[in-house]
Amino acid sequence: MPGSPEDWLTQAQSCIARANLGPRVDAIGRVESIGDGVAMVSGLPDSRLDELLYLARGQTGFVHTLDRDRIGCVLLDDAAQVEAGDTVTGSGEVVRVPVGEALLGRVVDPLGRPLDGGAPIRARRFDPVERPAPAIIERDLVVQPVQTGTLAIDAMFAIGRG
């Protein structure tokens, strides 16, 4: 036999108290124009550089330029399906890609999605696409000279691998 009405009421009130009933605000932009794989988008004033954007037909892109009244979005998927007037939403996150040994020997797109028909990439971590280079002190020592084969370049520039 089910619990008493008082138990049910207590459980129902607990569920209602946990529910997030506040308003949710989503910024939605529109594609103004598109050309050469770059969509000019208006209506996303709070976007930041390298932010991941989602377009209405499932494509993704990232913010490349910030102008006063619109942003430039570099498309990472098929640009032929994007049309002026399509809606665009921001993710609030910068573009991150998988890193690690799981990528060795794999063919992936700019977001790390496999293109070789293999299983999804199981990366150890995801790092931002744009990040500072390691400091000189953190890098390995140069242990092997690299010769270009052009005497003038090899004489002027010391190129090495390490």
N, C-alpha and C. Protein backbone atom coordinates (compact mmCIF):
# COMPACT_ATOMS: atom_id res chain seq x y z
N MET A 1 0.84 -1.16 0.00
CA MET A 1 0.00 0.00 0.00
C MET A 1 0.90 1.24 0.00
N PRO A 2 0.58 2.24 -0.84
CA PRO A 2 1.39 3.44 -0.90
C PRO A 2 1.39 4.17 0.42
N GLY A 3 2.39 5.09 0.58
CA GLY A 3 2.53 5.85 1.82
C GLY A 3 1.32 6.73 2.08
N SER A 4 1.34 7.35 3.19
CA SER A 4 0.22 8.20 3.60
C SER A 4 0.20 9.48 2.78
N PRO A 5 -0.93 10.18 2.76
CA PRO A 5 -1.02 11.46 2.04
C PRO A 5 -0.01 12.49 2.56
N GLU A 6 0.30 12.43 3.84
CA GLU A 6 1.28 13.38 4.39
C GLU A 6 2.67 13.12 3.81
N ASP A 7 3.04 11.84 3.63
CA ASP A 7 4.33 11.50 3.02
C ASP A 7 4.39 11.99 1.58
N TRP A 8 3.29 11.77 0.87
CA TRP A 8 3.23 12.22 -0.52
C TRP A 8 3.37 13.74 -0.60
N LEU A 9 2.67 14.46 0.27
CA LEU A 9 2.72 15.91 0.28
C LEU A 9 4.14 16.40 0.59
N THR A 10 4.80 15.79 1.54
CA THR A 10 6.17 16.17 1.89
C THR A 10 7.11 15.94 0.71
N GLN A 11 6.97 14.80 0.03
CA GLN A 11 7.80 14.50 -1.12
C GLN A 11 7.53 15.47 -2.27
N ALA A 12 6.26 15.78 -2.52
CA ALA A 12 5.89 16.71 -3.59
C ALA A 12 6.44 18.11 -3.30
N GLN A 13 6.36 18.56 -2.07
CA GLN A 13 6.89 19.89 -1.72
C GLN A 13 8.41 19.92 -1.87
N SER A 14 9.06 18.82 -1.54
CA SER A 14 10.51 18.73 -1.71
C SER A 14 10.89 18.83 -3.19
N CYS A 15 10.15 18.16 -4.06
CA CYS A 15 10.42 18.22 -5.49
C CYS A 15 10.20 19.63 -6.04
N ILE A 16 9.15 20.30 -5.59
CA ILE A 16 8.86 21.66 -6.04
C ILE A 16 9.95 22.61 -5.57
N ALA A 17 10.43 22.43 -4.36
CA ALA A 17 11.47 23.31 -3.82
C ALA A 17 12.78 23.17 -4.59
N ARG A 18 13.07 21.98 -5.13
CA ARG A 18 14.31 21.76 -5.89
C ARG A 18 14.22 22.24 -7.33
N ALA A 19 13.01 22.47 -7.83
CA ALA A 19 12.82 22.86 -9.23
C ALA A 19 13.30 24.29 -9.45
N ASN A 20 13.99 24.52 -10.56
CA ASN A 20 14.44 25.84 -10.93
C ASN A 20 13.36 26.48 -11.78
N LEU A 21 12.59 27.36 -11.19
CA LEU A 21 11.45 27.94 -11.88
C LEU A 21 11.69 29.37 -12.33
N GLY A 22 12.92 29.86 -12.18
CA GLY A 22 13.23 31.23 -12.57
C GLY A 22 13.31 31.40 -14.08
N PRO A 23 13.32 32.63 -14.53
CA PRO A 23 13.43 32.87 -15.98
C PRO A 23 14.81 32.49 -16.50
N ARG A 24 14.86 32.08 -17.73
CA ARG A 24 16.11 31.73 -18.39
C ARG A 24 16.28 32.65 -19.59
N VAL A 25 17.40 33.33 -19.66
CA VAL A 25 17.65 34.28 -20.72
C VAL A 25 18.65 33.69 -21.70
N ASP A 26 18.28 33.62 -22.95
CA ASP A 26 19.17 33.15 -24.01
C ASP A 26 19.35 34.28 -25.02
N ALA A 27 20.59 34.59 -25.34
CA ALA A 27 20.86 35.57 -26.39
C ALA A 27 20.84 34.85 -27.73
N ILE A 28 20.04 35.35 -28.64
CA ILE A 28 19.92 34.74 -29.96
C ILE A 28 20.27 35.79 -31.00
N GLY A 29 21.20 35.43 -31.88
CA GLY A 29 21.60 36.32 -32.95
C GLY A 29 21.10 35.81 -34.28
N ARG A 30 21.37 36.59 -35.32
CA ARG A 30 20.96 36.23 -36.67
C ARG A 30 22.14 36.39 -37.62
N VAL A 31 22.21 35.49 -38.60
CA VAL A 31 23.22 35.59 -39.64
C VAL A 31 22.79 36.71 -40.58
N GLU A 32 23.65 37.73 -40.72
CA GLU A 32 23.36 38.85 -41.62
C GLU A 32 23.84 38.55 -43.03
N SER A 33 25.05 38.01 -43.12
CA SER A 33 25.61 37.66 -44.43
C SER A 33 26.63 36.55 -44.24
N ILE A 34 26.98 35.90 -45.35
CA ILE A 34 27.95 34.82 -45.29
C ILE A 34 28.79 34.83 -46.55
N GLY A 35 30.07 34.56 -46.37
CA GLY A 35 30.96 34.48 -47.51
C GLY A 35 32.31 33.92 -47.09
N ASP A 36 32.86 33.04 -47.90
CA ASP A 36 34.18 32.45 -47.67
C ASP A 36 34.29 31.76 -46.32
N GLY A 37 33.22 31.13 -45.87
CA GLY A 37 33.25 30.38 -44.61
C GLY A 37 33.15 31.23 -43.37
N VAL A 38 32.84 32.52 -43.53
CA VAL A 38 32.68 33.42 -42.39
C VAL A 38 31.28 34.01 -42.44
N ALA A 39 30.55 33.87 -41.34
CA ALA A 39 29.20 34.44 -41.24
C ALA A 39 29.27 35.68 -40.37
N MET A 40 28.68 36.76 -40.84
CA MET A 40 28.56 37.97 -40.04
C MET A 40 27.25 37.88 -39.27
N VAL A 41 27.34 37.96 -37.93
CA VAL A 41 26.21 37.71 -37.05
C VAL A 41 25.91 38.96 -36.24
N SER A 42 24.64 39.31 -36.12
CA SER A 42 24.24 40.42 -35.27
C SER A 42 23.38 39.88 -34.13
N GLY A 43 23.30 40.64 -33.04
CA GLY A 43 22.42 40.26 -31.95
C GLY A 43 23.07 39.49 -30.83
N LEU A 44 24.39 39.37 -30.82
CA LEU A 44 25.10 38.68 -29.74
C LEU A 44 26.14 39.63 -29.13
N PRO A 45 25.70 40.67 -28.43
CA PRO A 45 26.65 41.68 -27.95
C PRO A 45 27.58 41.19 -26.84
N ASP A 46 27.25 40.13 -26.15
CA ASP A 46 28.08 39.65 -25.05
C ASP A 46 29.04 38.53 -25.46
N SER A 47 29.17 38.30 -26.75
CA SER A 47 30.09 37.25 -27.22
C SER A 47 31.53 37.67 -26.99
N ARG A 48 32.42 36.69 -26.90
CA ARG A 48 33.84 36.97 -26.73
C ARG A 48 34.63 36.22 -27.80
N LEU A 49 35.87 36.63 -27.98
CA LEU A 49 36.71 35.98 -28.98
C LEU A 49 36.85 34.49 -28.69
N ASP A 50 36.83 33.69 -29.73
CA ASP A 50 36.97 32.23 -29.67
C ASP A 50 35.81 31.53 -28.99
N GLU A 51 34.69 32.22 -28.78
CA GLU A 51 33.51 31.57 -28.18
C GLU A 51 32.87 30.65 -29.21
N LEU A 52 32.46 29.48 -28.77
CA LEU A 52 31.80 28.51 -29.63
C LEU A 52 30.36 28.93 -29.85
N LEU A 53 29.92 28.97 -31.12
CA LEU A 53 28.57 29.35 -31.48
C LEU A 53 27.86 28.19 -32.16
N TYR A 54 26.56 28.09 -31.93
CA TYR A 54 25.75 27.05 -32.56
C TYR A 54 24.76 27.71 -33.50
N LEU A 55 24.71 27.22 -34.74
CA LEU A 55 23.80 27.75 -35.73
C LEU A 55 22.55 26.88 -35.80
N ALA A 56 21.50 27.43 -36.40
CA ALA A 56 20.18 26.80 -36.38
C ALA A 56 20.14 25.42 -37.03
N ARG A 57 20.94 25.18 -38.03
CA ARG A 57 20.87 23.91 -38.76
C ARG A 57 21.91 22.89 -38.29
N GLY A 58 22.45 23.10 -37.09
CA GLY A 58 23.36 22.14 -36.50
C GLY A 58 24.84 22.43 -36.70
N GLN A 59 25.17 23.47 -37.43
CA GLN A 59 26.58 23.80 -37.64
C GLN A 59 27.16 24.49 -36.41
N THR A 60 28.47 24.48 -36.35
CA THR A 60 29.17 25.18 -35.28
C THR A 60 30.16 26.15 -35.89
N GLY A 61 30.51 27.14 -35.11
CA GLY A 61 31.49 28.12 -35.53
C GLY A 61 32.07 28.77 -34.30
N PHE A 62 33.02 29.68 -34.50
CA PHE A 62 33.57 30.40 -33.36
C PHE A 62 33.76 31.86 -33.72
N VAL A 63 33.71 32.72 -32.70
CA VAL A 63 33.84 34.15 -32.89
C VAL A 63 35.29 34.47 -33.24
N HIS A 64 35.45 35.12 -34.38
CA HIS A 64 36.79 35.47 -34.83
C HIS A 64 37.04 36.97 -34.78
N THR A 65 36.01 37.77 -35.07
CA THR A 65 36.15 39.22 -35.02
C THR A 65 34.98 39.82 -34.25
N LEU A 66 35.26 40.88 -33.54
CA LEU A 66 34.24 41.60 -32.78
C LEU A 66 34.16 43.02 -33.31
N ASP A 67 33.05 43.37 -33.93
CA ASP A 67 32.79 44.74 -34.35
C ASP A 67 31.76 45.34 -33.41
N ARG A 68 31.47 46.62 -33.60
CA ARG A 68 30.53 47.30 -32.71
C ARG A 68 29.13 46.69 -32.76
N ASP A 69 28.65 46.39 -33.95
CA ASP A 69 27.26 45.92 -34.08
C ASP A 69 27.12 44.50 -34.59
N ARG A 70 28.22 43.83 -34.88
CA ARG A 70 28.14 42.44 -35.32
C ARG A 70 29.46 41.73 -35.09
N ILE A 71 29.44 40.41 -35.23
CA ILE A 71 30.64 39.61 -35.01
C ILE A 71 30.89 38.75 -36.25
N GLY A 72 32.14 38.38 -36.43
CA GLY A 72 32.51 37.47 -37.51
C GLY A 72 32.64 36.07 -36.94
N CYS A 73 31.91 35.13 -37.52
CA CYS A 73 31.89 33.75 -37.04
C CYS A 73 32.51 32.84 -38.10
N VAL A 74 33.65 32.23 -37.78
CA VAL A 74 34.27 31.27 -38.69
C VAL A 74 33.54 29.95 -38.54
N LEU A 75 33.03 29.43 -39.65
CA LEU A 75 32.24 28.20 -39.61
C LEU A 75 33.15 26.99 -39.63
N LEU A 76 32.87 26.04 -38.75
CA LEU A 76 33.66 24.81 -38.64
C LEU A 76 33.00 23.63 -39.33
N ASP A 77 31.79 23.83 -39.80
CA ASP A 77 31.05 22.79 -40.53
C ASP A 77 30.72 23.32 -41.92
N ASP A 78 29.89 22.59 -42.64
CA ASP A 78 29.53 22.94 -44.02
C ASP A 78 28.88 24.32 -44.09
N ALA A 79 29.53 25.26 -44.77
CA ALA A 79 29.01 26.62 -44.89
C ALA A 79 27.92 26.72 -45.94
N ALA A 80 27.78 25.73 -46.82
CA ALA A 80 26.78 25.79 -47.88
C ALA A 80 25.36 25.74 -47.34
N GLN A 81 25.17 25.19 -46.15
CA GLN A 81 23.84 25.08 -45.59
C GLN A 81 23.42 26.30 -44.78
N VAL A 82 24.35 27.23 -44.53
CA VAL A 82 24.05 28.42 -43.73
C VAL A 82 23.49 29.49 -44.65
N GLU A 83 22.39 30.12 -44.22
CA GLU A 83 21.77 31.17 -45.00
C GLU A 83 21.55 32.40 -44.13
N ALA A 84 21.46 33.55 -44.77
CA ALA A 84 21.15 34.78 -44.05
C ALA A 84 19.79 34.63 -43.37
N GLY A 85 19.71 35.06 -42.12
CA GLY A 85 18.47 34.95 -41.35
C GLY A 85 18.47 33.78 -40.39
N ASP A 86 19.40 32.84 -40.53
CA ASP A 86 19.47 31.71 -39.60
C ASP A 86 19.79 32.23 -38.20
N THR A 87 19.28 31.53 -37.19
CA THR A 87 19.54 31.93 -35.81
C THR A 87 20.87 31.36 -35.33
N VAL A 88 21.48 32.09 -34.40
CA VAL A 88 22.78 31.72 -33.84
C VAL A 88 22.70 31.91 -32.33
N THR A 89 23.18 30.93 -31.57
CA THR A 89 23.25 31.07 -30.12
C THR A 89 24.68 30.85 -29.65
N GLY A 90 25.04 31.56 -28.60
CA GLY A 90 26.36 31.42 -28.03
C GLY A 90 26.38 30.34 -26.96
N SER A 91 27.53 29.75 -26.76
CA SER A 91 27.65 28.70 -25.75
C SER A 91 28.23 29.24 -24.44
N GLY A 92 28.91 30.39 -24.52
CA GLY A 92 29.57 30.91 -23.34
C GLY A 92 30.92 30.26 -23.08
N GLU A 93 31.32 29.30 -23.89
CA GLU A 93 32.58 28.57 -23.73
C GLU A 93 33.49 28.83 -24.92
N VAL A 94 34.79 28.85 -24.68
CA VAL A 94 35.74 28.97 -25.79
C VAL A 94 35.88 27.61 -26.47
N VAL A 95 36.37 27.63 -27.70
CA VAL A 95 36.54 26.39 -28.46
C VAL A 95 37.62 25.55 -27.79
N ARG A 96 37.27 24.31 -27.49
CA ARG A 96 38.21 23.36 -26.86
C ARG A 96 38.27 22.11 -27.73
N VAL A 97 39.45 21.52 -27.78
CA VAL A 97 39.65 20.32 -28.58
C VAL A 97 40.27 19.23 -27.71
N PRO A 98 40.03 17.97 -28.05
CA PRO A 98 40.63 16.88 -27.27
C PRO A 98 42.13 16.82 -27.50
N VAL A 99 42.85 16.47 -26.45
CA VAL A 99 44.30 16.28 -26.55
C VAL A 99 44.66 14.95 -25.90
N GLY A 100 45.75 14.38 -26.34
CA GLY A 100 46.21 13.13 -25.74
C GLY A 100 46.54 12.08 -26.78
N GLU A 101 46.95 10.93 -26.30
CA GLU A 101 47.37 9.85 -27.18
C GLU A 101 46.23 9.22 -27.96
N ALA A 102 44.99 9.45 -27.55
CA ALA A 102 43.85 8.89 -28.28
C ALA A 102 43.74 9.47 -29.69
N LEU A 103 44.40 10.60 -29.96
CA LEU A 103 44.35 11.23 -31.28
C LEU A 103 45.39 10.67 -32.25
N LEU A 104 46.38 9.95 -31.75
CA LEU A 104 47.43 9.43 -32.63
C LEU A 104 46.85 8.50 -33.69
N GLY A 105 47.15 8.82 -34.95
CA GLY A 105 46.70 7.99 -36.05
C GLY A 105 45.26 8.22 -36.47
N ARG A 106 44.59 9.19 -35.88
CA ARG A 106 43.19 9.46 -36.20
C ARG A 106 43.06 10.67 -37.11
N VAL A 107 41.98 10.72 -37.87
CA VAL A 107 41.66 11.88 -38.70
C VAL A 107 40.45 12.55 -38.06
N VAL A 108 40.62 13.82 -37.68
CA VAL A 108 39.56 14.53 -36.97
C VAL A 108 39.28 15.87 -37.64
N ASP A 109 38.11 16.44 -37.33
CA ASP A 109 37.76 17.77 -37.82
C ASP A 109 38.28 18.81 -36.84
N PRO A 110 38.04 20.11 -37.07
CA PRO A 110 38.59 21.13 -36.17
C PRO A 110 38.13 21.03 -34.72
N LEU A 111 37.04 20.36 -34.45
CA LEU A 111 36.56 20.21 -33.08
C LEU A 111 36.96 18.88 -32.46
N GLY A 112 37.74 18.07 -33.17
CA GLY A 112 38.19 16.79 -32.64
C GLY A 112 37.21 15.65 -32.86
N ARG A 113 36.22 15.85 -33.72
CA ARG A 113 35.27 14.78 -34.04
C ARG A 113 35.89 13.88 -35.10
N PRO A 114 35.81 12.55 -34.93
CA PRO A 114 36.48 11.65 -35.88
C PRO A 114 35.85 11.69 -37.27
N LEU A 115 36.71 11.71 -38.29
CA LEU A 115 36.27 11.67 -39.68
C LEU A 115 36.67 10.37 -40.36
N ASP A 116 37.37 9.49 -39.63
CA ASP A 116 37.89 8.26 -40.21
C ASP A 116 36.98 7.06 -40.02
N GLY A 117 35.77 7.29 -39.50
CA GLY A 117 34.84 6.19 -39.30
C GLY A 117 35.09 5.39 -38.05
N GLY A 118 36.06 5.78 -37.25
CA GLY A 118 36.39 5.06 -36.02
C GLY A 118 35.49 5.48 -34.86
N ALA A 119 35.79 4.92 -33.73
CA ALA A 119 35.02 5.22 -32.51
C ALA A 119 35.27 6.67 -32.09
N PRO A 120 34.36 7.23 -31.29
CA PRO A 120 34.58 8.59 -30.78
C PRO A 120 35.88 8.67 -29.99
N ILE A 121 36.49 9.85 -30.03
CA ILE A 121 37.76 10.08 -29.34
C ILE A 121 37.51 10.12 -27.84
N ARG A 122 38.27 9.34 -27.10
CA ARG A 122 38.19 9.36 -25.63
C ARG A 122 39.45 10.07 -25.12
N ALA A 123 39.36 11.38 -25.09
CA ALA A 123 40.52 12.19 -24.72
C ALA A 123 40.63 12.29 -23.20
N ARG A 124 41.87 12.46 -22.74
CA ARG A 124 42.11 12.65 -21.30
C ARG A 124 41.63 14.01 -20.85
N ARG A 125 41.79 15.01 -21.73
CA ARG A 125 41.36 16.36 -21.37
C ARG A 125 41.08 17.15 -22.64
N PHE A 126 40.42 18.29 -22.48
CA PHE A 126 40.12 19.20 -23.57
C PHE A 126 40.80 20.53 -23.28
N ASP A 127 41.58 21.02 -24.22
CA ASP A 127 42.30 22.28 -24.04
C ASP A 127 41.76 23.32 -25.01
N PRO A 128 41.84 24.61 -24.63
CA PRO A 128 41.42 25.66 -25.56
C PRO A 128 42.29 25.67 -26.81
N VAL A 129 41.69 26.03 -27.93
CA VAL A 129 42.43 26.10 -29.19
C VAL A 129 43.49 27.19 -29.11
N GLU A 130 43.12 28.35 -28.61
CA GLU A 130 44.05 29.46 -28.47
C GLU A 130 44.52 29.53 -27.03
N ARG A 131 45.80 29.34 -26.83
CA ARG A 131 46.37 29.46 -25.49
C ARG A 131 47.83 29.85 -25.62
N PRO A 132 48.41 30.41 -24.58
CA PRO A 132 49.81 30.84 -24.67
C PRO A 132 50.74 29.64 -24.83
N ALA A 133 51.85 29.90 -25.52
CA ALA A 133 52.88 28.86 -25.68
C ALA A 133 53.58 28.65 -24.34
N PRO A 134 54.13 27.46 -24.11
CA PRO A 134 54.88 27.23 -22.87
C PRO A 134 56.07 28.18 -22.77
N ALA A 135 56.41 28.55 -21.57
CA ALA A 135 57.56 29.42 -21.36
C ALA A 135 58.84 28.70 -21.80
N ILE A 136 59.85 29.45 -22.14
CA ILE A 136 61.12 28.87 -22.62
C ILE A 136 61.68 27.88 -21.61
N ILE A 137 61.61 28.20 -20.34
CA ILE A 137 62.19 27.35 -19.29
C ILE A 137 61.46 26.00 -19.19
N GLU A 138 60.18 25.96 -19.60
CA GLU A 138 59.39 24.73 -19.52
C GLU A 138 59.62 23.79 -20.70
N ARG A 139 60.22 24.28 -21.76
CA ARG A 139 60.40 23.49 -22.97
C ARG A 139 61.61 22.57 -22.85
N ASP A 140 61.60 21.49 -23.66
CA ASP A 140 62.74 20.58 -23.71
C ASP A 140 63.94 21.25 -24.38
N LEU A 141 65.12 20.73 -24.11
CA LEU A 141 66.34 21.25 -24.72
C LEU A 141 66.39 20.85 -26.19
N VAL A 142 67.03 21.70 -26.98
CA VAL A 142 67.25 21.38 -28.39
C VAL A 142 68.43 20.41 -28.45
N VAL A 143 68.19 19.23 -28.97
CA VAL A 143 69.21 18.18 -28.95
C VAL A 143 69.65 17.74 -30.34
N GLN A 144 68.95 18.16 -31.39
CA GLN A 144 69.29 17.69 -32.73
C GLN A 144 69.22 18.87 -33.70
N PRO A 145 70.30 19.18 -34.39
CA PRO A 145 70.24 20.26 -35.38
C PRO A 145 69.41 19.82 -36.59
N VAL A 146 68.73 20.78 -37.19
CA VAL A 146 67.93 20.50 -38.39
C VAL A 146 68.51 21.33 -39.53
N GLN A 147 68.91 20.66 -40.59
CA GLN A 147 69.47 21.33 -41.76
C GLN A 147 68.38 21.46 -42.82
N THR A 148 68.25 22.67 -43.39
CA THR A 148 67.24 22.89 -44.43
C THR A 148 67.73 22.46 -45.80
N GLY A 149 69.05 22.42 -45.97
CA GLY A 149 69.61 22.08 -47.27
C GLY A 149 70.01 23.31 -48.06
N THR A 150 69.61 24.48 -47.59
CA THR A 150 70.01 25.74 -48.23
C THR A 150 71.10 26.36 -47.37
N LEU A 151 72.31 26.47 -47.91
CA LEU A 151 73.47 26.91 -47.14
C LEU A 151 73.26 28.29 -46.52
N ALA A 152 72.67 29.22 -47.26
CA ALA A 152 72.49 30.58 -46.74
C ALA A 152 71.55 30.57 -45.52
N ILE A 153 70.51 29.82 -45.56
CA ILE A 153 69.57 29.75 -44.43
C ILE A 153 70.21 29.02 -43.25
N ASP A 154 70.88 27.92 -43.52
CA ASP A 154 71.53 27.18 -42.43
C ASP A 154 72.61 28.00 -41.76
N ALA A 155 73.28 28.89 -42.51
CA ALA A 155 74.34 29.73 -41.93
C ALA A 155 73.75 30.87 -41.11
N MET A 156 72.59 31.40 -41.49
CA MET A 156 72.02 32.55 -40.79
C MET A 156 71.17 32.15 -39.58
N PHE A 157 70.46 31.03 -39.67
CA PHE A 157 69.51 30.65 -38.63
C PHE A 157 69.86 29.29 -38.05
N ALA A 158 69.90 29.24 -36.74
CA ALA A 158 70.12 27.95 -36.07
C ALA A 158 68.77 27.32 -35.83
N ILE A 159 68.49 26.26 -36.54
CA ILE A 159 67.22 25.56 -36.41
C ILE A 159 67.50 24.21 -35.77
N GLY A 160 66.70 23.86 -34.76
CA GLY A 160 66.92 22.59 -34.09
C GLY A 160 65.64 21.95 -33.65
N ARG A 161 65.74 20.70 -33.26
CA ARG A 161 64.58 19.94 -32.79
C ARG A 161 64.90 19.42 -31.41
N GLY A 162 63.92 19.47 -30.55
CA GLY A 162 64.16 18.99 -29.20
C GLY A 162 62.91 18.92 -28.39
